[in-house]
PDB file of N, CA and C in Angstrom:
ATOM      1  N   MET A   1     -56.145-190.383 -46.832  1.00  0.00           N
ATOM      2  CA  MET A   1     -56.184-190.848 -48.207  1.00  0.00           C
ATOM      3  C   MET A   1     -57.640-190.813 -48.679  1.00  0.00           C
ATOM      4  N   SER A   2     -57.834-190.450 -49.917  1.00  0.00           N
ATOM      5  CA  SER A   2     -59.176-190.344 -50.487  1.00  0.00           C
ATOM      6  C   SER A   2     -59.778-191.727 -50.740  1.00  0.00           C
ATOM      7  N   LEU A   3     -61.095-191.767 -50.893  1.00  0.00           N
ATOM      8  CA  LEU A   3     -61.778-193.031 -51.205  1.00  0.00           C
ATOM      9  C   LEU A   3     -61.243-193.597 -52.523  1.00  0.00           C
ATOM     10  N   LYS A   4     -61.014-192.717 -53.488  1.00  0.00           N
ATOM     11  CA  LYS A   4     -60.460-193.154 -54.779  1.00  0.00           C
ATOM     12  C   LYS A   4     -59.087-193.798 -54.572  1.00  0.00           C
ATOM     13  N   GLY A   5     -58.268-193.204 -53.722  1.00  0.00           N
ATOM     14  CA  GLY A   5     -56.949-193.759 -53.435  1.00  0.00           C
ATOM     15  C   GLY A   5     -57.027-195.109 -52.754  1.00  0.00           C
ATOM     16  N   ILE A   6     -57.968-195.247 -51.821  1.00  0.00           N
ATOM     17  CA  ILE A   6     -58.155-196.518 -51.122  1.00  0.00           C
ATOM     18  C   ILE A   6     -58.565-197.614 -52.104  1.00  0.00           C
ATOM     19  N   VAL A   7     -59.549-197.302 -52.946  1.00  0.00           N
ATOM     20  CA  VAL A   7     -60.014-198.282 -53.943  1.00  0.00           C
ATOM     21  C   VAL A   7     -58.875-198.650 -54.887  1.00  0.00           C
ATOM     22  N   ASN A   8     -58.112-197.658 -55.327  1.00  0.00           N
ATOM     23  CA  ASN A   8     -56.987-197.895 -56.224  1.00  0.00           C
ATOM     24  C   ASN A   8     -55.934-198.792 -55.562  1.00  0.00           C
ATOM     25  N   GLY A   9     -55.632-198.521 -54.301  1.00  0.00           N
ATOM     26  CA  GLY A   9     -54.644-199.322 -53.577  1.00  0.00           C
ATOM     27  C   GLY A   9     -55.068-200.768 -53.417  1.00  0.00           C
ATOM     28  N   TYR A  10     -56.304-200.991 -53.011  1.00  0.00           N
ATOM     29  CA  TYR A  10     -56.800-202.356 -52.830  1.00  0.00           C
ATOM     30  C   TYR A  10     -56.910-203.088 -54.169  1.00  0.00           C
ATOM     31  N   THR A  11     -57.344-202.379 -55.213  1.00  0.00           N
ATOM     32  CA  THR A  11     -57.455-203.003 -56.538  1.00  0.00           C
ATOM     33  C   THR A  11     -56.091-203.425 -57.058  1.00  0.00           C
ATOM     34  N   ASN A  12     -55.121-202.507 -56.996  1.00  0.00           N
ATOM     35  CA  ASN A  12     -53.782-202.839 -57.482  1.00  0.00           C
ATOM     36  C   ASN A  12     -53.130-203.941 -56.651  1.00  0.00           C
ATOM     37  N   SER A  13     -53.374-203.950 -55.350  1.00  0.00           N
ATOM     38  CA  SER A  13     -52.844-205.009 -54.500  1.00  0.00           C
ATOM     39  C   SER A  13     -53.420-206.364 -54.911  1.00  0.00           C
ATOM     40  N   ALA A  14     -54.720-206.390 -55.174  1.00  0.00           N
ATOM     41  CA  ALA A  14     -55.366-207.638 -55.608  1.00  0.00           C
ATOM     42  C   ALA A  14     -54.828-208.091 -56.962  1.00  0.00           C
ATOM     43  N   LEU A  15     -54.643-207.142 -57.882  1.00  0.00           N
ATOM     44  CA  LEU A  15     -54.086-207.487 -59.191  1.00  0.00           C
ATOM     45  C   LEU A  15     -52.675-208.054 -59.049  1.00  0.00           C
ATOM     46  N   ASP A  16     -51.893-207.482 -58.148  1.00  0.00           N
ATOM     47  CA  ASP A  16     -50.539-207.984 -57.922  1.00  0.00           C
ATOM     48  C   ASP A  16     -50.565-209.396 -57.331  1.00  0.00           C
ATOM     49  N   SER A  17     -51.517-209.644 -56.447  1.00  0.00           N
ATOM     50  CA  SER A  17     -51.576-210.962 -55.799  1.00  0.00           C
ATOM     51  C   SER A  17     -51.905-212.085 -56.776  1.00  0.00           C
ATOM     52  N   VAL A  18     -52.531-211.752 -57.903  1.00  0.00           N
ATOM     53  CA  VAL A  18     -52.819-212.770 -58.919  1.00  0.00           C
ATOM     54  C   VAL A  18     -51.889-212.655 -60.126  1.00  0.00           C
ATOM     55  N   GLY A  19     -50.888-211.784 -60.018  1.00  0.00           N
ATOM     56  CA  GLY A  19     -49.843-211.708 -61.033  1.00  0.00           C
ATOM     57  C   GLY A  19     -50.168-210.929 -62.281  1.00  0.00           C
ATOM     58  N   VAL A  20     -51.134-210.021 -62.230  1.00  0.00           N
ATOM     59  CA  VAL A  20     -51.481-209.277 -63.437  1.00  0.00           C
ATOM     60  C   VAL A  20     -51.300-207.762 -63.303  1.00  0.00           C
ATOM     61  N   LEU A  21     -50.678-207.309 -62.236  1.00  0.00           N
ATOM     62  CA  LEU A  21     -50.387-205.889 -62.095  1.00  0.00           C
ATOM     63  C   LEU A  21     -49.208-205.540 -62.993  1.00  0.00           C
ATOM     64  N   GLY A  22     -49.271-204.410 -63.639  1.00  0.00           N
ATOM     65  CA  GLY A  22     -48.178-203.977 -64.508  1.00  0.00           C
ATOM     66  C   GLY A  22     -46.857-203.877 -63.759  1.00  0.00           C
ATOM     67  N   LYS A  23     -45.767-204.108 -64.489  1.00  0.00           N
ATOM     68  CA  LYS A  23     -44.442-204.135 -63.881  1.00  0.00           C
ATOM     69  C   LYS A  23     -44.070-202.802 -63.215  1.00  0.00           C
ATOM     70  N   LYS A  24     -44.377-201.682 -63.863  1.00  0.00           N
ATOM     71  CA  LYS A  24     -44.026-200.382 -63.287  1.00  0.00           C
ATOM     72  C   LYS A  24     -44.745-200.140 -61.968  1.00  0.00           C
ATOM     73  N   LYS A  25     -46.029-200.453 -61.901  1.00  0.00           N
ATOM     74  CA  LYS A  25     -46.786-200.271 -60.666  1.00  0.00           C
ATOM     75  C   LYS A  25     -46.249-201.189 -59.569  1.00  0.00           C
ATOM     76  N   GLN A  26     -45.899-202.395 -59.941  1.00  0.00           N
ATOM     77  CA  GLN A  26     -45.335-203.344 -58.981  1.00  0.00           C
ATOM     78  C   GLN A  26     -44.002-202.820 -58.439  1.00  0.00           C
ATOM     79  N   GLU A  27     -43.181-202.274 -59.301  1.00  0.00           N
ATOM     80  CA  GLU A  27     -41.890-201.716 -58.878  1.00  0.00           C
ATOM     81  C   GLU A  27     -42.079-200.525 -57.941  1.00  0.00           C
ATOM     82  N   VAL A  28     -43.054-199.663 -58.247  1.00  0.00           N
ATOM     83  CA  VAL A  28     -43.337-198.510 -57.387  1.00  0.00           C
ATOM     84  C   VAL A  28     -43.763-198.998 -56.003  1.00  0.00           C
ATOM     85  N   ALA A  29     -44.703-199.935 -55.969  1.00  0.00           N
ATOM     86  CA  ALA A  29     -45.205-200.444 -54.688  1.00  0.00           C
ATOM     87  C   ALA A  29     -44.085-201.090 -53.877  1.00  0.00           C
ATOM     88  N   ASN A  30     -43.249-201.870 -54.529  1.00  0.00           N
ATOM     89  CA  ASN A  30     -42.146-202.534 -53.819  1.00  0.00           C
ATOM     90  C   ASN A  30     -41.132-201.526 -53.279  1.00  0.00           C
ATOM     91  N   ALA A  31     -40.822-200.510 -54.078  1.00  0.00           N
ATOM     92  CA  ALA A  31     -39.868-199.483 -53.633  1.00  0.00           C
ATOM     93  C   ALA A  31     -40.440-198.700 -52.457  1.00  0.00           C
ATOM     94  N   ARG A  32     -41.706-198.351 -52.534  1.00  0.00           N
ATOM     95  CA  ARG A  32     -42.346-197.622 -51.440  1.00  0.00           C
ATOM     96  C   ARG A  32     -42.337-198.458 -50.157  1.00  0.00           C
ATOM     97  N   MET A  33     -42.683-199.729 -50.283  1.00  0.00           N
ATOM     98  CA  MET A  33     -42.740-200.588 -49.100  1.00  0.00           C
ATOM     99  C   MET A  33     -41.364-200.730 -48.467  1.00  0.00           C
ATOM    100  N   SER A  34     -40.329-200.773 -49.283  1.00  0.00           N
ATOM    101  CA  SER A  34     -38.961-200.841 -48.758  1.00  0.00           C
ATOM    102  C   SER A  34     -38.640-199.613 -47.916  1.00  0.00           C
ATOM    103  N   VAL A  35     -39.087-198.445 -48.367  1.00  0.00           N
ATOM    104  CA  VAL A  35     -38.879-197.204 -47.615  1.00  0.00           C
ATOM    105  C   VAL A  35     -39.669-197.259 -46.305  1.00  0.00           C
ATOM    106  N   CYS A  36     -40.913-197.683 -46.388  1.00  0.00           N
ATOM    107  CA  CYS A  36     -41.774-197.734 -45.197  1.00  0.00           C
ATOM    108  C   CYS A  36     -41.201-198.657 -44.127  1.00  0.00           C
ATOM    109  N   LYS A  37     -40.686-199.789 -44.541  1.00  0.00           N
ATOM    110  CA  LYS A  37     -40.162-200.766 -43.578  1.00  0.00           C
ATOM    111  C   LYS A  37     -38.978-200.221 -42.782  1.00  0.00           C
ATOM    112  N   LEU A  38     -38.305-199.214 -43.300  1.00  0.00           N
ATOM    113  CA  LEU A  38     -37.176-198.599 -42.606  1.00  0.00           C
ATOM    114  C   LEU A  38     -37.581-197.403 -41.745  1.00  0.00           C
ATOM    115  N   CYS A  39     -38.823-196.990 -41.837  1.00  0.00           N
ATOM    116  CA  CYS A  39     -39.299-195.798 -41.146  1.00  0.00           C
ATOM    117  C   CYS A  39     -39.676-196.109 -39.695  1.00  0.00           C
ATOM    118  N   THR A  40     -39.409-195.163 -38.817  1.00  0.00           N
ATOM    119  CA  THR A  40     -39.709-195.339 -37.393  1.00  0.00           C
ATOM    120  C   THR A  40     -41.203-195.292 -37.094  1.00  0.00           C
ATOM    121  N   THR A  41     -42.024-194.832 -38.039  1.00  0.00           N
ATOM    122  CA  THR A  41     -43.473-194.798 -37.818  1.00  0.00           C
ATOM    123  C   THR A  41     -44.156-196.088 -38.259  1.00  0.00           C
ATOM    124  N   PHE A  42     -43.418-196.982 -38.913  1.00  0.00           N
ATOM    125  CA  PHE A  42     -43.984-198.226 -39.443  1.00  0.00           C
ATOM    126  C   PHE A  42     -43.999-199.316 -38.387  1.00  0.00           C
ATOM    127  N   ASP A  43     -45.168-199.896 -38.159  1.00  0.00           N
ATOM    128  CA  ASP A  43     -45.324-201.009 -37.223  1.00  0.00           C
ATOM    129  C   ASP A  43     -45.247-202.310 -38.017  1.00  0.00           C
ATOM    130  N   THR A  44     -44.188-203.071 -37.823  1.00  0.00           N
ATOM    131  CA  THR A  44     -43.972-204.295 -38.593  1.00  0.00           C
ATOM    132  C   THR A  44     -44.973-205.400 -38.252  1.00  0.00           C
ATOM    133  N   ASP A  45     -45.609-205.317 -37.097  1.00  0.00           N
ATOM    134  CA  ASP A  45     -46.604-206.338 -36.733  1.00  0.00           C
ATOM    135  C   ASP A  45     -47.931-206.125 -37.455  1.00  0.00           C
ATOM    136  N   THR A  46     -48.319-204.863 -37.629  1.00  0.00           N
ATOM    137  CA  THR A  46     -49.621-204.557 -38.236  1.00  0.00           C
ATOM    138  C   THR A  46     -49.522-203.998 -39.651  1.00  0.00           C
ATOM    139  N   ASN A  47     -48.315-203.632 -40.083  1.00  0.00           N
ATOM    140  CA  ASN A  47     -48.082-202.983 -41.382  1.00  0.00           C
ATOM    141  C   ASN A  47     -48.783-201.632 -41.492  1.00  0.00           C
ATOM    142  N   VAL A  48     -48.965-200.969 -40.353  1.00  0.00           N
ATOM    143  CA  VAL A  48     -49.619-199.664 -40.306  1.00  0.00           C
ATOM    144  C   VAL A  48     -48.574-198.591 -40.033  1.00  0.00           C
ATOM    145  N   CYS A  49     -48.742-197.459 -40.686  1.00  0.00           N
ATOM    146  CA  CYS A  49     -47.935-196.277 -40.427  1.00  0.00           C
ATOM    147  C   CYS A  49     -48.580-195.577 -39.233  1.00  0.00           C
ATOM    148  N   MET A  50     -47.940-195.656 -38.082  1.00  0.00           N
ATOM    149  CA  MET A  50     -48.565-195.262 -36.820  1.00  0.00           C
ATOM    150  C   MET A  50     -48.802-193.760 -36.703  1.00  0.00           C
ATOM    151  N   LYS A  51     -50.060-193.412 -36.578  1.00  0.00           N
ATOM    152  CA  LYS A  51     -50.472-192.018 -36.471  1.00  0.00           C
ATOM    153  C   LYS A  51     -49.929-191.371 -35.193  1.00  0.00           C
ATOM    154  N   ASP A  52     -49.863-192.129 -34.116  1.00  0.00           N
ATOM    155  CA  ASP A  52     -49.384-191.558 -32.851  1.00  0.00           C
ATOM    156  C   ASP A  52     -47.889-191.262 -32.863  1.00  0.00           C
ATOM    157  N   LYS A  53     -47.200-191.714 -33.905  1.00  0.00           N
ATOM    158  CA  LYS A  53     -45.775-191.414 -34.048  1.00  0.00           C
ATOM    159  C   LYS A  53     -45.517-190.465 -35.221  1.00  0.00           C
ATOM    160  N   GLY A  54     -46.590-189.828 -35.694  1.00  0.00           N
ATOM    161  CA  GLY A  54     -46.456-188.850 -36.769  1.00  0.00           C
ATOM    162  C   GLY A  54     -46.776-189.370 -38.154  1.00  0.00           C
ATOM    163  N   GLY A  55     -47.162-190.635 -38.256  1.00  0.00           N
ATOM    164  CA  GLY A  55     -47.487-191.223 -39.547  1.00  0.00           C
ATOM    165  C   GLY A  55     -48.922-190.951 -39.966  1.00  0.00           C
ATOM    166  N   CYS A  56     -49.352-191.607 -41.022  1.00  0.00           N
ATOM    167  CA  CYS A  56     -50.672-191.346 -41.598  1.00  0.00           C
ATOM    168  C   CYS A  56     -51.776-192.238 -41.044  1.00  0.00           C
ATOM    169  N   GLY A  57     -51.419-193.358 -40.424  1.00  0.00           N
ATOM    170  CA  GLY A  57     -52.426-194.271 -39.892  1.00  0.00           C
ATOM    171  C   GLY A  57     -52.929-195.283 -40.907  1.00  0.00           C
ATOM    172  N   CYS A  58     -52.337-195.307 -42.081  1.00  0.00           N
ATOM    173  CA  CYS A  58     -52.801-196.191 -43.155  1.00  0.00           C
ATOM    174  C   CYS A  58     -52.182-197.582 -43.081  1.00  0.00           C
ATOM    175  N   LEU A  59     -52.899-198.544 -43.659  1.00  0.00           N
ATOM    176  CA  LEU A  59     -52.377-199.888 -43.862  1.00  0.00           C
ATOM    177  C   LEU A  59     -51.474-199.831 -45.085  1.00  0.00           C
ATOM    178  N   MET A  60     -50.191-199.909 -44.866  1.00  0.00           N
ATOM    179  CA  MET A  60     -49.233-199.645 -45.930  1.00  0.00           C
ATOM    180  C   MET A  60     -49.166-200.734 -46.987  1.00  0.00           C
ATOM    181  N   THR A  61     -49.564-201.950 -46.664  1.00  0.00           N
ATOM    182  CA  THR A  61     -49.574-203.010 -47.673  1.00  0.00           C
ATOM    183  C   THR A  61     -50.595-202.731 -48.767  1.00  0.00           C
ATOM    184  N   LYS A  62     -51.476-201.769 -48.540  1.00  0.00           N
ATOM    185  CA  LYS A  62     -52.443-201.336 -49.559  1.00  0.00           C
ATOM    186  C   LYS A  62     -52.098-199.947 -50.085  1.00  0.00           C
ATOM    187  N   LYS A  63     -51.721-199.023 -49.195  1.00  0.00           N
ATOM    188  CA  LYS A  63     -51.454-197.644 -49.625  1.00  0.00           C
ATOM    189  C   LYS A  63     -50.318-197.566 -50.633  1.00  0.00           C
ATOM    190  N   VAL A  64     -49.299-198.389 -50.486  1.00  0.00           N
ATOM    191  CA  VAL A  64     -48.170-198.320 -51.426  1.00  0.00           C
ATOM    192  C   VAL A  64     -48.602-198.627 -52.862  1.00  0.00           C
ATOM    193  N   TYR A  65     -49.746-199.286 -53.030  1.00  0.00           N
ATOM    194  CA  TYR A  65     -50.270-199.609 -54.358  1.00  0.00           C
ATOM    195  C   TYR A  65     -51.138-198.506 -54.945  1.00  0.00           C
ATOM    196  N   SER A  66     -51.466-197.499 -54.151  1.00  0.00           N
ATOM    197  CA  SER A  66     -52.260-196.374 -54.638  1.00  0.00           C
ATOM    198  C   SER A  66     -51.305-195.381 -55.302  1.00  0.00           C
ATOM    199  N   MET A  67     -51.298-195.351 -56.606  1.00  0.00           N
ATOM    200  CA  MET A  67     -50.288-194.623 -57.363  1.00  0.00           C
ATOM    201  C   MET A  67     -50.349-193.106 -57.173  1.00  0.00           C
ATOM    202  N   ASP A  68     -51.484-192.561 -56.753  1.00  0.00           N
ATOM    203  CA  ASP A  68     -51.605-191.119 -56.534  1.00  0.00           C
ATOM    204  C   ASP A  68     -51.289-190.716 -55.094  1.00  0.00           C
ATOM    205  N   SER A  69     -51.073-191.686 -54.226  1.00  0.00           N
ATOM    206  CA  SER A  69     -50.834-191.395 -52.811  1.00  0.00           C
ATOM    207  C   SER A  69     -49.414-190.917 -52.566  1.00  0.00           C
ATOM    208  N   LYS A  70     -49.230-190.329 -51.373  1.00  0.00           N
ATOM    209  CA  LYS A  70     -47.897-189.870 -50.985  1.00  0.00           C
ATOM    210  C   LYS A  70     -47.703-190.099 -49.491  1.00  0.00           C
ATOM    211  N   CYS A  71     -46.467-190.172 -49.094  1.00  0.00           N
ATOM    212  CA  CYS A  71     -46.099-190.298 -47.691  1.00  0.00           C
ATOM    213  C   CYS A  71     -46.239-188.921 -47.039  1.00  0.00           C
ATOM    214  N   PRO A  72     -46.937-188.822 -45.892  1.00  0.00           N
ATOM    215  CA  PRO A  72     -47.084-187.523 -45.253  1.00  0.00           C
ATOM    216  C   PRO A  72     -45.765-186.980 -44.694  1.00  0.00           C
ATOM    217  N   LEU A  73     -44.768-187.840 -44.585  1.00  0.00           N
ATOM    218  CA  LEU A  73     -43.453-187.420 -44.104  1.00  0.00           C
ATOM    219  C   LEU A  73     -42.515-187.062 -45.252  1.00  0.00           C
ATOM    220  N   GLY A  74     -43.032-187.140 -46.486  1.00  0.00           N
ATOM    221  CA  GLY A  74     -42.262-186.748 -47.662  1.00  0.00           C
ATOM    222  C   GLY A  74     -41.244-187.771 -48.137  1.00  0.00           C
ATOM    223  N   LYS A  75     -41.393-189.019 -47.722  1.00  0.00           N
ATOM    224  CA  LYS A  75     -40.410-190.045 -48.100  1.00  0.00           C
ATOM    225  C   LYS A  75     -40.664-190.632 -49.487  1.00  0.00           C
ATOM    226  N   TRP A  76     -41.884-190.519 -49.990  1.00  0.00           N
ATOM    227  CA  TRP A  76     -42.215-190.882 -51.366  1.00  0.00           C
ATOM    228  C   TRP A  76     -43.492-190.158 -51.757  1.00  0.00           C
ATOM    229  N   GLY A  77     -43.662-189.957 -53.071  1.00  0.00           N
ATOM    230  CA  GLY A  77     -44.803-189.203 -53.560  1.00  0.00           C
ATOM    231  C   GLY A  77     -45.576-189.956 -54.616  1.00  0.00           C
ATOM    232  N   PRO A  78     -46.506-189.257 -55.278  1.00  0.00           N
ATOM    233  CA  PRO A  78     -47.279-189.885 -56.331  1.00  0.00           C
ATOM    234  C   PRO A  78     -46.365-190.448 -57.420  1.00  0.00           C
ATOM    235  N   ALA A  79     -46.776-191.567 -57.980  1.00  0.00           N
ATOM    236  CA  ALA A  79     -45.969-192.223 -59.013  1.00  0.00           C
ATOM    237  C   ALA A  79     -46.110-191.515 -60.350  1.00  0.00           C
ATOM    238  N   ASN A  80     -45.014-191.392 -61.053  1.00  0.00           N
ATOM    239  CA  ASN A  80     -45.006-190.874 -62.413  1.00  0.00           C
ATOM    240  C   ASN A  80     -44.792-192.075 -63.324  1.00  0.00           C
ATOM    241  N   LEU A  81     -45.871-192.592 -63.872  1.00  0.00           N
ATOM    242  CA  LEU A  81     -45.786-193.828 -64.660  1.00  0.00           C
ATOM    243  C   LEU A  81     -45.692-193.587 -66.152  1.00  0.00           C
ATOM    244  N   LYS A  82     -45.456-192.374 -66.572  1.00  0.00           N
ATOM    245  CA  LYS A  82     -45.388-192.076 -68.010  1.00  0.00           C
ATOM    246  C   LYS A  82     -44.003-192.248 -68.554  1.00  0.00           C
TER     247      LYS A  82
END
């Protein structure tokens, strides 16, 4: 994930934690996280998509908030918020 994507993910996560993230972005993040939680590469203890099992190695509680990011396994892609 790019530095811009990382910053975007952490920023949107912080905005959501204080209740000011837009509804569409919140819905995208929640839907993505639901998909991740069902994936065999997702570690429920660390919330990381395990690289050694074919995942991206990212902290998913932040990556799902990066609207331009995508799942390397093709399970979700960049958000279309228009």
